[in-house]
Amino acid sequence: MAVTEPETYSSAREDRDYLLEYKSVYLLSLRRESILDVPIDNVSRDEAVAVILDLVEKKRGPHAVIFADPVKLSFMRPGRKLHWIAELAKVILPDGAGLGWASRMLHRPYARS
């Protein structure tokens, strides 16, 4: 019976330590863009991880992180039933091609990962 070698990681991305890397992201420079009067965080994947890890590290109660697609966004507009969620959410991330398209049409494209 042959002994097989353990699998090695072929990507440096798999070896990343987010807990150390997020400290290098300047969180105050991150911005939100508004689509249909709902603020959407304009952050890359690494910046989103940094924001969420910062919230976890501060331990100041529960936080809402929303992945907003066009349907959710339509229900979170001002005057709609779910607008209160958008007001309380600490992080609202764009989800789906529709929001990427809308951000480009508004000449405020979202950060790429």
PDB file of N, CA and C in Angstrom:
ATOM      1  N   MET A   1       0.822  -1.188   0.000  1.00  0.00           N
ATOM      2  CA  MET A   1       0.000   0.000   0.000  1.00  0.00           C
ATOM      3  C   MET A   1       0.873   1.262   0.000  1.00  0.00           C
ATOM      4  N   ALA A   2       0.601   2.145  -0.922  1.00  0.00           N
ATOM      5  CA  ALA A   2       1.403   3.362  -1.050  1.00  0.00           C
ATOM      6  C   ALA A   2       0.901   4.426  -0.079  1.00  0.00           C
ATOM      7  N   VAL A   3       1.845   5.144   0.473  1.00  0.00           N
ATOM      8  CA  VAL A   3       1.508   6.253   1.373  1.00  0.00           C
ATOM      9  C   VAL A   3       1.421   7.515   0.537  1.00  0.00           C
ATOM     10  N   THR A   4       0.320   8.238   0.659  1.00  0.00           N
ATOM     11  CA  THR A   4       0.158   9.469  -0.115  1.00  0.00           C
ATOM     12  C   THR A   4       0.588  10.664   0.709  1.00  0.00           C
ATOM     13  N   GLU A   5       1.085  11.640   0.023  1.00  0.00           N
ATOM     14  CA  GLU A   5       1.514  12.883   0.662  1.00  0.00           C
ATOM     15  C   GLU A   5       0.284  13.715   1.023  1.00  0.00           C
ATOM     16  N   PRO A   6       0.356  14.489   2.104  1.00  0.00           N
ATOM     17  CA  PRO A   6      -0.784  15.379   2.407  1.00  0.00           C
ATOM     18  C   PRO A   6      -0.924  16.450   1.338  1.00  0.00           C
ATOM     19  N   GLU A   7      -2.148  16.890   1.141  1.00  0.00           N
ATOM     20  CA  GLU A   7      -2.401  17.929   0.136  1.00  0.00           C
ATOM     21  C   GLU A   7      -1.718  19.226   0.520  1.00  0.00           C
ATOM     22  N   THR A   8      -1.162  19.896  -0.468  1.00  0.00           N
ATOM     23  CA  THR A   8      -0.571  21.207  -0.232  1.00  0.00           C
ATOM     24  C   THR A   8      -1.472  22.261  -0.857  1.00  0.00           C
ATOM     25  N   TYR A   9      -1.420  23.429  -0.312  1.00  0.00           N
ATOM     26  CA  TYR A   9      -2.217  24.526  -0.837  1.00  0.00           C
ATOM     27  C   TYR A   9      -1.527  25.095  -2.068  1.00  0.00           C
ATOM     28  N   SER A  10      -2.303  25.288  -3.095  1.00  0.00           N
ATOM     29  CA  SER A  10      -1.722  25.816  -4.328  1.00  0.00           C
ATOM     30  C   SER A  10      -1.927  27.315  -4.461  1.00  0.00           C
ATOM     31  N   SER A  11      -2.610  27.900  -3.514  1.00  0.00           N
ATOM     32  CA  SER A  11      -2.928  29.317  -3.626  1.00  0.00           C
ATOM     33  C   SER A  11      -2.513  30.055  -2.360  1.00  0.00           C
ATOM     34  N   ALA A  12      -1.882  31.190  -2.548  1.00  0.00           N
ATOM     35  CA  ALA A  12      -1.531  32.016  -1.390  1.00  0.00           C
ATOM     36  C   ALA A  12      -2.787  32.552  -0.724  1.00  0.00           C
ATOM     37  N   ARG A  13      -3.867  32.688  -1.469  1.00  0.00           N
ATOM     38  CA  ARG A  13      -5.126  33.197  -0.924  1.00  0.00           C
ATOM     39  C   ARG A  13      -5.648  32.287   0.181  1.00  0.00           C
ATOM     40  N   GLU A  14      -5.413  30.985   0.079  1.00  0.00           N
ATOM     41  CA  GLU A  14      -5.879  30.052   1.090  1.00  0.00           C
ATOM     42  C   GLU A  14      -5.081  30.174   2.380  1.00  0.00           C
ATOM     43  N   ASP A  15      -3.866  30.667   2.286  1.00  0.00           N
ATOM     44  CA  ASP A  15      -3.006  30.785   3.457  1.00  0.00           C
ATOM     45  C   ASP A  15      -3.135  32.134   4.165  1.00  0.00           C
ATOM     46  N   ARG A  16      -4.014  32.975   3.713  1.00  0.00           N
ATOM     47  CA  ARG A  16      -4.140  34.314   4.275  1.00  0.00           C
ATOM     48  C   ARG A  16      -4.676  34.271   5.698  1.00  0.00           C
ATOM     49  N   ASP A  17      -4.231  35.187   6.488  1.00  0.00           N
ATOM     50  CA  ASP A  17      -4.714  35.311   7.860  1.00  0.00           C
ATOM     51  C   ASP A  17      -5.506  36.609   7.948  1.00  0.00           C
ATOM     52  N   TYR A  18      -6.824  36.506   7.765  1.00  0.00           N
ATOM     53  CA  TYR A  18      -7.676  37.697   7.767  1.00  0.00           C
ATOM     54  C   TYR A  18      -7.614  38.453   9.083  1.00  0.00           C
ATOM     55  N   LEU A  19      -7.436  37.748  10.178  1.00  0.00           N
ATOM     56  CA  LEU A  19      -7.412  38.420  11.468  1.00  0.00           C
ATOM     57  C   LEU A  19      -6.257  39.405  11.572  1.00  0.00           C
ATOM     58  N   LEU A  20      -5.169  39.130  10.885  1.00  0.00           N
ATOM     59  CA  LEU A  20      -4.054  40.069  10.885  1.00  0.00           C
ATOM     60  C   LEU A  20      -4.187  41.104   9.782  1.00  0.00           C
ATOM     61  N   GLU A  21      -4.673  40.692   8.636  1.00  0.00           N
ATOM     62  CA  GLU A  21      -4.758  41.595   7.490  1.00  0.00           C
ATOM     63  C   GLU A  21      -5.779  42.712   7.675  1.00  0.00           C
ATOM     64  N   TYR A  22      -6.871  42.444   8.351  1.00  0.00           N
ATOM     65  CA  TYR A  22      -7.913  43.462   8.421  1.00  0.00           C
ATOM     66  C   TYR A  22      -7.470  44.688   9.192  1.00  0.00           C
ATOM     67  N   LYS A  23      -6.481  44.536  10.037  1.00  0.00           N
ATOM     68  CA  LYS A  23      -5.980  45.690  10.796  1.00  0.00           C
ATOM     69  C   LYS A  23      -5.361  46.736   9.880  1.00  0.00           C
ATOM     70  N   SER A  24      -4.925  46.346   8.698  1.00  0.00           N
ATOM     71  CA  SER A  24      -4.280  47.288   7.780  1.00  0.00           C
ATOM     72  C   SER A  24      -5.286  48.083   6.947  1.00  0.00           C
ATOM     73  N   VAL A  25      -6.562  47.742   7.020  1.00  0.00           N
ATOM     74  CA  VAL A  25      -7.589  48.456   6.258  1.00  0.00           C
ATOM     75  C   VAL A  25      -8.039  49.665   7.070  1.00  0.00           C
ATOM     76  N   TYR A  26      -7.973  50.826   6.448  1.00  0.00           N
ATOM     77  CA  TYR A  26      -8.399  52.063   7.107  1.00  0.00           C
ATOM     78  C   TYR A  26      -9.921  52.179   6.967  1.00  0.00           C
ATOM     79  N   LEU A  27     -10.635  51.814   8.014  1.00  0.00           N
ATOM     80  CA  LEU A  27     -12.087  51.705   7.951  1.00  0.00           C
ATOM     81  C   LEU A  27     -12.792  53.043   7.774  1.00  0.00           C
ATOM     82  N   LEU A  28     -12.183  54.121   8.209  1.00  0.00           N
ATOM     83  CA  LEU A  28     -12.838  55.423   8.089  1.00  0.00           C
ATOM     84  C   LEU A  28     -12.882  55.927   6.655  1.00  0.00           C
ATOM     85  N   SER A  29     -12.052  55.360   5.786  1.00  0.00           N
ATOM     86  CA  SER A  29     -12.034  55.801   4.395  1.00  0.00           C
ATOM     87  C   SER A  29     -13.089  55.100   3.538  1.00  0.00           C
ATOM     88  N   LEU A  30     -13.740  54.091   4.070  1.00  0.00           N
ATOM     89  CA  LEU A  30     -14.744  53.354   3.312  1.00  0.00           C
ATOM     90  C   LEU A  30     -15.998  54.204   3.163  1.00  0.00           C
ATOM     91  N   ARG A  31     -16.668  54.050   2.019  1.00  0.00           N
ATOM     92  CA  ARG A  31     -17.826  54.915   1.783  1.00  0.00           C
ATOM     93  C   ARG A  31     -19.045  54.099   1.372  1.00  0.00           C
ATOM     94  N   ARG A  32     -20.171  54.738   1.469  1.00  0.00           N
ATOM     95  CA  ARG A  32     -21.432  54.145   1.053  1.00  0.00           C
ATOM     96  C   ARG A  32     -21.978  54.921  -0.132  1.00  0.00           C
ATOM     97  N   GLU A  33     -22.578  54.185  -1.050  1.00  0.00           N
ATOM     98  CA  GLU A  33     -23.256  54.780  -2.199  1.00  0.00           C
ATOM     99  C   GLU A  33     -24.749  54.535  -2.025  1.00  0.00           C
ATOM    100  N   SER A  34     -25.542  55.443  -2.504  1.00  0.00           N
ATOM    101  CA  SER A  34     -26.988  55.324  -2.351  1.00  0.00           C
ATOM    102  C   SER A  34     -27.626  54.914  -3.670  1.00  0.00           C
ATOM    103  N   ILE A  35     -28.407  53.845  -3.625  1.00  0.00           N
ATOM    104  CA  ILE A  35     -29.224  53.430  -4.761  1.00  0.00           C
ATOM    105  C   ILE A  35     -30.653  53.320  -4.243  1.00  0.00           C
ATOM    106  N   LEU A  36     -31.569  54.037  -4.881  1.00  0.00           N
ATOM    107  CA  LEU A  36     -32.971  54.109  -4.443  1.00  0.00           C
ATOM    108  C   LEU A  36     -33.060  54.589  -2.998  1.00  0.00           C
ATOM    109  N   ASP A  37     -32.175  55.491  -2.621  1.00  0.00           N
ATOM    110  CA  ASP A  37     -32.112  56.063  -1.275  1.00  0.00           C
ATOM    111  C   ASP A  37     -31.809  55.032  -0.195  1.00  0.00           C
ATOM    112  N   VAL A  38     -31.185  53.937  -0.574  1.00  0.00           N
ATOM    113  CA  VAL A  38     -30.723  52.935   0.388  1.00  0.00           C
ATOM    114  C   VAL A  38     -29.195  52.932   0.317  1.00  0.00           C
ATOM    115  N   PRO A  39     -28.524  53.129   1.458  1.00  0.00           N
ATOM    116  CA  PRO A  39     -27.061  53.151   1.431  1.00  0.00           C
ATOM    117  C   PRO A  39     -26.491  51.747   1.244  1.00  0.00           C
ATOM    118  N   ILE A  40     -25.579  51.608   0.291  1.00  0.00           N
ATOM    119  CA  ILE A  40     -24.907  50.340   0.017  1.00  0.00           C
ATOM    120  C   ILE A  40     -23.412  50.564   0.217  1.00  0.00           C
ATOM    121  N   ASP A  41     -22.759  49.709   0.986  1.00  0.00           N
ATOM    122  CA  ASP A  41     -21.326  49.851   1.217  1.00  0.00           C
ATOM    123  C   ASP A  41     -20.554  49.554  -0.059  1.00  0.00           C
ATOM    124  N   ASN A  42     -19.726  50.491  -0.459  1.00  0.00           N
ATOM    125  CA  ASN A  42     -18.900  50.343  -1.657  1.00  0.00           C
ATOM    126  C   ASN A  42     -17.527  49.858  -1.215  1.00  0.00           C
ATOM    127  N   VAL A  43     -17.424  48.548  -0.960  1.00  0.00           N
ATOM    128  CA  VAL A  43     -16.201  47.961  -0.442  1.00  0.00           C
ATOM    129  C   VAL A  43     -15.832  46.713  -1.239  1.00  0.00           C
ATOM    130  N   SER A  44     -14.555  46.393  -1.234  1.00  0.00           N
ATOM    131  CA  SER A  44     -14.096  45.150  -1.849  1.00  0.00           C
ATOM    132  C   SER A  44     -14.368  44.003  -0.876  1.00  0.00           C
ATOM    133  N   ARG A  45     -14.123  42.783  -1.311  1.00  0.00           N
ATOM    134  CA  ARG A  45     -14.335  41.626  -0.436  1.00  0.00           C
ATOM    135  C   ARG A  45     -13.451  41.725   0.805  1.00  0.00           C
ATOM    136  N   ASP A  46     -12.183  42.091   0.629  1.00  0.00           N
ATOM    137  CA  ASP A  46     -11.274  42.201   1.775  1.00  0.00           C
ATOM    138  C   ASP A  46     -11.717  43.295   2.739  1.00  0.00           C
ATOM    139  N   GLU A  47     -12.188  44.408   2.200  1.00  0.00           N
ATOM    140  CA  GLU A  47     -12.673  45.493   3.067  1.00  0.00           C
ATOM    141  C   GLU A  47     -13.929  45.071   3.814  1.00  0.00           C
ATOM    142  N   ALA A  48     -14.803  44.324   3.162  1.00  0.00           N
ATOM    143  CA  ALA A  48     -16.013  43.828   3.828  1.00  0.00           C
ATOM    144  C   ALA A  48     -15.658  42.907   4.982  1.00  0.00           C
ATOM    145  N   VAL A  49     -14.695  42.018   4.749  1.00  0.00           N
ATOM    146  CA  VAL A  49     -14.243  41.129   5.822  1.00  0.00           C
ATOM    147  C   VAL A  49     -13.657  41.944   6.962  1.00  0.00           C
ATOM    148  N   ALA A  50     -12.885  42.974   6.643  1.00  0.00           N
ATOM    149  CA  ALA A  50     -12.282  43.825   7.670  1.00  0.00           C
ATOM    150  C   ALA A  50     -13.346  44.529   8.498  1.00  0.00           C
ATOM    151  N   VAL A  51     -14.382  45.047   7.858  1.00  0.00           N
ATOM    152  CA  VAL A  51     -15.457  45.728   8.577  1.00  0.00           C
ATOM    153  C   VAL A  51     -16.181  44.750   9.507  1.00  0.00           C
ATOM    154  N   ILE A  52     -16.494  43.572   9.000  1.00  0.00           N
ATOM    155  CA  ILE A  52     -17.223  42.589   9.810  1.00  0.00           C
ATOM    156  C   ILE A  52     -16.365  42.107  10.973  1.00  0.00           C
ATOM    157  N   LEU A  53     -15.082  41.836  10.735  1.00  0.00           N
ATOM    158  CA  LEU A  53     -14.205  41.415  11.827  1.00  0.00           C
ATOM    159  C   LEU A  53     -14.034  42.517  12.868  1.00  0.00           C
ATOM    160  N   ASP A  54     -14.024  43.767  12.424  1.00  0.00           N
ATOM    161  CA  ASP A  54     -13.948  44.885  13.369  1.00  0.00           C
ATOM    162  C   ASP A  54     -15.192  44.933  14.254  1.00  0.00           C
ATOM    163  N   LEU A  55     -16.362  44.705  13.666  1.00  0.00           N
ATOM    164  CA  LEU A  55     -17.589  44.678  14.453  1.00  0.00           C
ATOM    165  C   LEU A  55     -17.576  43.544  15.476  1.00  0.00           C
ATOM    166  N   VAL A  56     -17.084  42.397  15.057  1.00  0.00           N
ATOM    167  CA  VAL A  56     -17.013  41.248  15.965  1.00  0.00           C
ATOM    168  C   VAL A  56     -16.029  41.519  17.096  1.00  0.00           C
ATOM    169  N   GLU A  57     -14.897  42.119  16.759  1.00  0.00           N
ATOM    170  CA  GLU A  57     -13.871  42.386  17.763  1.00  0.00           C
ATOM    171  C   GLU A  57     -14.340  43.376  18.825  1.00  0.00           C
ATOM    172  N   LYS A  58     -15.143  44.356  18.425  1.00  0.00           N
ATOM    173  CA  LYS A  58     -15.604  45.375  19.375  1.00  0.00           C
ATOM    174  C   LYS A  58     -16.619  44.840  20.379  1.00  0.00           C
ATOM    175  N   LYS A  59     -17.298  43.755  20.042  1.00  0.00           N
ATOM    176  CA  LYS A  59     -18.244  43.093  20.945  1.00  0.00           C
ATOM    177  C   LYS A  59     -19.281  44.055  21.523  1.00  0.00           C
ATOM    178  N   ARG A  60     -19.913  44.821  20.683  1.00  0.00           N
ATOM    179  CA  ARG A  60     -20.936  45.773  21.140  1.00  0.00           C
ATOM    180  C   ARG A  60     -22.322  45.324  20.703  1.00  0.00           C
ATOM    181  N   GLY A  61     -22.656  44.097  20.986  1.00  0.00           N
ATOM    182  CA  GLY A  61     -23.986  43.594  20.660  1.00  0.00           C
ATOM    183  C   GLY A  61     -24.076  43.040  19.264  1.00  0.00           C
ATOM    184  N   PRO A  62     -25.264  42.600  18.898  1.00  0.00           N
ATOM    185  CA  PRO A  62     -25.451  42.022  17.561  1.00  0.00           C
ATOM    186  C   PRO A  62     -25.477  43.111  16.487  1.00  0.00           C
ATOM    187  N   HIS A  63     -25.055  42.729  15.298  1.00  0.00           N
ATOM    188  CA  HIS A  63     -25.036  43.643  14.157  1.00  0.00           C
ATOM    189  C   HIS A  63     -25.683  42.958  12.965  1.00  0.00           C
ATOM    190  N   ALA A  64     -26.340  43.732  12.145  1.00  0.00           N
ATOM    191  CA  ALA A  64     -26.946  43.190  10.932  1.00  0.00           C
ATOM    192  C   ALA A  64     -26.012  43.414   9.751  1.00  0.00           C
ATOM    193  N   VAL A  65     -25.770  42.341   9.010  1.00  0.00           N
ATOM    194  CA  VAL A  65     -25.025  42.405   7.757  1.00  0.00           C
ATOM    195  C   VAL A  65     -25.978  41.914   6.681  1.00  0.00           C
ATOM    196  N   ILE A  66     -26.275  42.778   5.719  1.00  0.00           N
ATOM    197  CA  ILE A  66     -27.269  42.457   4.700  1.00  0.00           C
ATOM    198  C   ILE A  66     -26.592  42.348   3.340  1.00  0.00           C
ATOM    199  N   PHE A  67     -26.952  41.304   2.618  1.00  0.00           N
ATOM    200  CA  PHE A  67     -26.552  41.167   1.219  1.00  0.00           C
ATOM    201  C   PHE A  67     -27.768  41.572   0.404  1.00  0.00           C
ATOM    202  N   ALA A  68     -27.730  42.771  -0.134  1.00  0.00           N
ATOM    203  CA  ALA A  68     -28.898  43.347  -0.801  1.00  0.00           C
ATOM    204  C   ALA A  68     -28.860  43.089  -2.301  1.00  0.00           C
ATOM    205  N   ASP A  69     -29.865  42.396  -2.780  1.00  0.00           N
ATOM    206  CA  ASP A  69     -30.048  42.229  -4.221  1.00  0.00           C
ATOM    207  C   ASP A  69     -31.140  43.216  -4.654  1.00  0.00           C
ATOM    208  N   PRO A  70     -31.417  43.339  -5.929  1.00  0.00           N
ATOM    209  CA  PRO A  70     -32.412  44.318  -6.374  1.00  0.00           C
ATOM    210  C   PRO A  70     -33.795  44.151  -5.724  1.00  0.00           C
ATOM    211  N   VAL A  71     -34.221  42.924  -5.480  1.00  0.00           N
ATOM    212  CA  VAL A  71     -35.537  42.709  -4.861  1.00  0.00           C
ATOM    213  C   VAL A  71     -35.540  43.208  -3.422  1.00  0.00           C
ATOM    214  N   LYS A  72     -34.518  42.832  -2.641  1.00  0.00           N
ATOM    215  CA  LYS A  72     -34.428  43.307  -1.256  1.00  0.00           C
ATOM    216  C   LYS A  72     -34.326  44.825  -1.217  1.00  0.00           C
ATOM    217  N   LEU A  73     -33.556  45.374  -2.146  1.00  0.00           N
ATOM    218  CA  LEU A  73     -33.389  46.824  -2.191  1.00  0.00           C
ATOM    219  C   LEU A  73     -34.720  47.532  -2.402  1.00  0.00           C
ATOM    220  N   SER A  74     -35.574  46.964  -3.249  1.00  0.00           N
ATOM    221  CA  SER A  74     -36.868  47.599  -3.494  1.00  0.00           C
ATOM    222  C   SER A  74     -37.742  47.595  -2.240  1.00  0.00           C
ATOM    223  N   PHE A  75     -37.569  46.599  -1.372  1.00  0.00           N
ATOM    224  CA  PHE A  75     -38.342  46.544  -0.133  1.00  0.00           C
ATOM    225  C   PHE A  75     -37.725  47.369   0.989  1.00  0.00           C
ATOM    226  N   MET A  76     -36.482  47.826   0.812  1.00  0.00           N
ATOM    227  CA  MET A  76     -35.803  48.607   1.844  1.00  0.00           C
ATOM    228  C   MET A  76     -35.796  50.105   1.540  1.00  0.00           C
ATOM    229  N   ARG A  77     -36.448  50.518   0.458  1.00  0.00           N
ATOM    230  CA  ARG A  77     -36.507  51.943   0.126  1.00  0.00           C
ATOM    231  C   ARG A  77     -37.268  52.711   1.203  1.00  0.00           C
ATOM    232  N   PRO A  78     -36.999  54.009   1.333  1.00  0.00           N
ATOM    233  CA  PRO A  78     -37.749  54.819   2.300  1.00  0.00           C
ATOM    234  C   PRO A  78     -39.251  54.718   2.032  1.00  0.00           C
ATOM    235  N   GLY A  79     -40.011  54.589   3.101  1.00  0.00           N
ATOM    236  CA  GLY A  79     -41.461  54.487   2.993  1.00  0.00           C
ATOM    237  C   GLY A  79     -41.957  53.056   2.848  1.00  0.00           C
ATOM    238  N   ARG A  80     -41.061  52.095   2.711  1.00  0.00           N
ATOM    239  CA  ARG A  80     -41.456  50.698   2.585  1.00  0.00           C
ATOM    240  C   ARG A  80     -41.312  49.992   3.933  1.00  0.00           C
ATOM    241  N   LYS A  81     -41.909  48.819   4.043  1.00  0.00           N
ATOM    242  CA  LYS A  81     -41.949  48.097   5.314  1.00  0.00           C
ATOM    243  C   LYS A  81     -40.571  47.763   5.888  1.00  0.00           C
ATOM    244  N   LEU A  82     -39.631  47.459   5.058  1.00  0.00           N
ATOM    245  CA  LEU A  82     -38.329  47.009   5.549  1.00  0.00           C
ATOM    246  C   LEU A  82     -37.262  48.101   5.587  1.00  0.00           C
ATOM    247  N   HIS A  83     -37.671  49.356   5.463  1.00  0.00           N
ATOM    248  CA  HIS A  83     -36.690  50.438   5.485  1.00  0.00           C
ATOM    249  C   HIS A  83     -35.955  50.504   6.825  1.00  0.00           C
ATOM    250  N   TRP A  84     -36.628  50.135   7.901  1.00  0.00           N
ATOM    251  CA  TRP A  84     -35.994  50.193   9.223  1.00  0.00           C
ATOM    252  C   TRP A  84     -34.764  49.283   9.281  1.00  0.00           C
ATOM    253  N   ILE A  85     -34.772  48.200   8.506  1.00  0.00           N
ATOM    254  CA  ILE A  85     -33.620  47.300   8.485  1.00  0.00           C
ATOM    255  C   ILE A  85     -32.413  48.019   7.882  1.00  0.00           C
ATOM    256  N   ALA A  86     -32.637  48.745   6.814  1.00  0.00           N
ATOM    257  CA  ALA A  86     -31.539  49.483   6.182  1.00  0.00           C
ATOM    258  C   ALA A  86     -30.986  50.549   7.115  1.00  0.00           C
ATOM    259  N   GLU A  87     -31.836  51.149   7.926  1.00  0.00           N
ATOM    260  CA  GLU A  87     -31.376  52.175   8.853  1.00  0.00           C
ATOM    261  C   GLU A  87     -30.533  51.589   9.981  1.00  0.00           C
ATOM    262  N   LEU A  88     -30.844  50.369  10.418  1.00  0.00           N
ATOM    263  CA  LEU A  88     -30.143  49.759  11.540  1.00  0.00           C
ATOM    264  C   LEU A  88     -28.930  48.923  11.132  1.00  0.00           C
ATOM    265  N   ALA A  89     -28.863  48.522   9.885  1.00  0.00           N
ATOM    266  CA  ALA A  89     -27.784  47.639   9.442  1.00  0.00           C
ATOM    267  C   ALA A  89     -26.439  48.340   9.497  1.00  0.00           C
ATOM    268  N   LYS A  90     -25.455  47.644  10.016  1.00  0.00           N
ATOM    269  CA  LYS A  90     -24.099  48.181  10.065  1.00  0.00           C
ATOM    270  C   LYS A  90     -23.394  48.016   8.720  1.00  0.00           C
ATOM    271  N   VAL A  91     -23.738  46.944   8.002  1.00  0.00           N
ATOM    272  CA  VAL A  91     -23.104  46.663   6.720  1.00  0.00           C
ATOM    273  C   VAL A  91     -24.187  46.218   5.741  1.00  0.00           C
ATOM    274  N   ILE A  92     -24.238  46.882   4.586  1.00  0.00           N
ATOM    275  CA  ILE A  92     -25.136  46.467   3.501  1.00  0.00           C
ATOM    276  C   ILE A  92     -24.262  46.282   2.268  1.00  0.00           C
ATOM    277  N   LEU A  93     -24.146  45.034   1.833  1.00  0.00           N
ATOM    278  CA  LEU A  93     -23.272  44.704   0.711  1.00  0.00           C
ATOM    279  C   LEU A  93     -24.094  44.434  -0.536  1.00  0.00           C
ATOM    280  N   PRO A  94     -23.609  44.878  -1.690  1.00  0.00           N
ATOM    281  CA  PRO A  94     -24.341  44.617  -2.937  1.00  0.00           C
ATOM    282  C   PRO A  94     -24.253  43.145  -3.315  1.00  0.00           C
ATOM    283  N   ASP A  95     -25.363  42.616  -3.800  1.00  0.00           N
ATOM    284  CA  ASP A  95     -25.415  41.214  -4.210  1.00  0.00           C
ATOM    285  C   ASP A  95     -26.171  41.127  -5.528  1.00  0.00           C
ATOM    286  N   GLY A  96     -25.562  40.540  -6.495  1.00  0.00           N
ATOM    287  CA  GLY A  96     -26.233  40.362  -7.779  1.00  0.00           C
ATOM    288  C   GLY A  96     -25.751  41.350  -8.830  1.00  0.00           C
ATOM    289  N   ALA A  97     -25.916  40.929 -10.063  1.00  0.00           N
ATOM    290  CA  ALA A  97     -25.462  41.741 -11.195  1.00  0.00           C
ATOM    291  C   ALA A  97     -26.275  43.016 -11.349  1.00  0.00           C
ATOM    292  N   GLY A  98     -27.515  43.000 -10.907  1.00  0.00           N
ATOM    293  CA  GLY A  98     -28.376  44.177 -11.061  1.00  0.00           C
ATOM    294  C   GLY A  98     -27.848  45.400 -10.336  1.00  0.00           C
ATOM    295  N   LEU A  99     -27.340  45.220  -9.123  1.00  0.00           N
ATOM    296  CA  LEU A  99     -26.802  46.363  -8.389  1.00  0.00           C
ATOM    297  C   LEU A  99     -25.469  46.823  -8.968  1.00  0.00           C
ATOM    298  N   GLY A 100     -24.681  45.884  -9.470  1.00  0.00           N
ATOM    299  CA  GLY A 100     -23.444  46.281 -10.150  1.00  0.00           C
ATOM    300  C   GLY A 100     -23.735  47.103 -11.386  1.00  0.00           C
ATOM    301  N   TRP A 101     -24.728  46.686 -12.150  1.00  0.00           N
ATOM    302  CA  TRP A 101     -25.138  47.425 -13.345  1.00  0.00           C
ATOM    303  C   TRP A 101     -25.647  48.817 -12.960  1.00  0.00           C
ATOM    304  N   ALA A 102     -26.501  48.892 -11.929  1.00  0.00           N
ATOM    305  CA  ALA A 102     -27.050  50.182 -11.505  1.00  0.00           C
ATOM    306  C   ALA A 102     -25.946  51.124 -11.036  1.00  0.00           C
ATOM    307  N   SER A 103     -24.972  50.597 -10.321  1.00  0.00           N
ATOM    308  CA  SER A 103     -23.885  51.459  -9.839  1.00  0.00           C
ATOM    309  C   SER A 103     -23.061  52.012 -11.008  1.00  0.00           C
ATOM    310  N   ARG A 104     -22.871  51.199 -12.042  1.00  0.00           N
ATOM    311  CA  ARG A 104     -22.139  51.687 -13.223  1.00  0.00           C
ATOM    312  C   ARG A 104     -22.959  52.739 -13.968  1.00  0.00           C
ATOM    313  N   MET A 105     -24.274  52.553 -14.058  1.00  0.00           N
ATOM    314  CA  MET A 105     -25.133  53.529 -14.738  1.00  0.00           C
ATOM    315  C   MET A 105     -25.151  54.861 -13.993  1.00  0.00           C
ATOM    316  N   LEU A 106     -24.973  54.817 -12.666  1.00  0.00           N
ATOM    317  CA  LEU A 106     -24.922  56.033 -11.859  1.00  0.00           C
ATOM    318  C   LEU A 106     -23.520  56.615 -11.774  1.00  0.00           C
ATOM    319  N   HIS A 107     -22.577  56.018 -12.528  1.00  0.00           N
ATOM    320  CA  HIS A 107     -21.176  56.452 -12.562  1.00  0.00           C
ATOM    321  C   HIS A 107     -20.515  56.380 -11.191  1.00  0.00           C
ATOM    322  N   ARG A 108     -20.931  55.370 -10.397  1.00  0.00           N
ATOM    323  CA  ARG A 108     -20.312  55.107  -9.097  1.00  0.00           C
ATOM    324  C   ARG A 108     -20.116  53.597  -8.963  1.00  0.00           C
ATOM    325  N   PRO A 109     -19.259  53.014  -9.801  1.00  0.00           N
ATOM    326  CA  PRO A 109     -19.118  51.553  -9.784  1.00  0.00           C
ATOM    327  C   PRO A 109     -18.615  51.043  -8.437  1.00  0.00           C
ATOM    328  N   TYR A 110     -19.087  49.869  -8.078  1.00  0.00           N
ATOM    329  CA  TYR A 110     -18.678  49.254  -6.814  1.00  0.00           C
ATOM    330  C   TYR A 110     -17.258  48.746  -6.908  1.00  0.00           C
ATOM    331  N   ALA A 111     -16.595  48.726  -5.755  1.00  0.00           N
ATOM    332  CA  ALA A 111     -15.224  48.215  -5.679  1.00  0.00           C
ATOM    333  C   ALA A 111     -15.214  46.749  -6.074  1.00  0.00           C
ATOM    334  N   ARG A 112     -14.164  46.342  -6.750  1.00  0.00           N
ATOM    335  CA  ARG A 112     -14.025  44.944  -7.166  1.00  0.00           C
ATOM    336  C   ARG A 112     -13.222  44.195  -6.119  1.00  0.00           C
ATOM    337  N   SER A 113     -13.495  42.916  -6.010  1.00  0.00           N
ATOM    338  CA  SER A 113     -12.770  42.074  -5.044  1.00  0.00           C
ATOM    339  C   SER A 113     -11.376  41.779  -5.527  1.00  0.00           C
TER     340      SER A 113
END
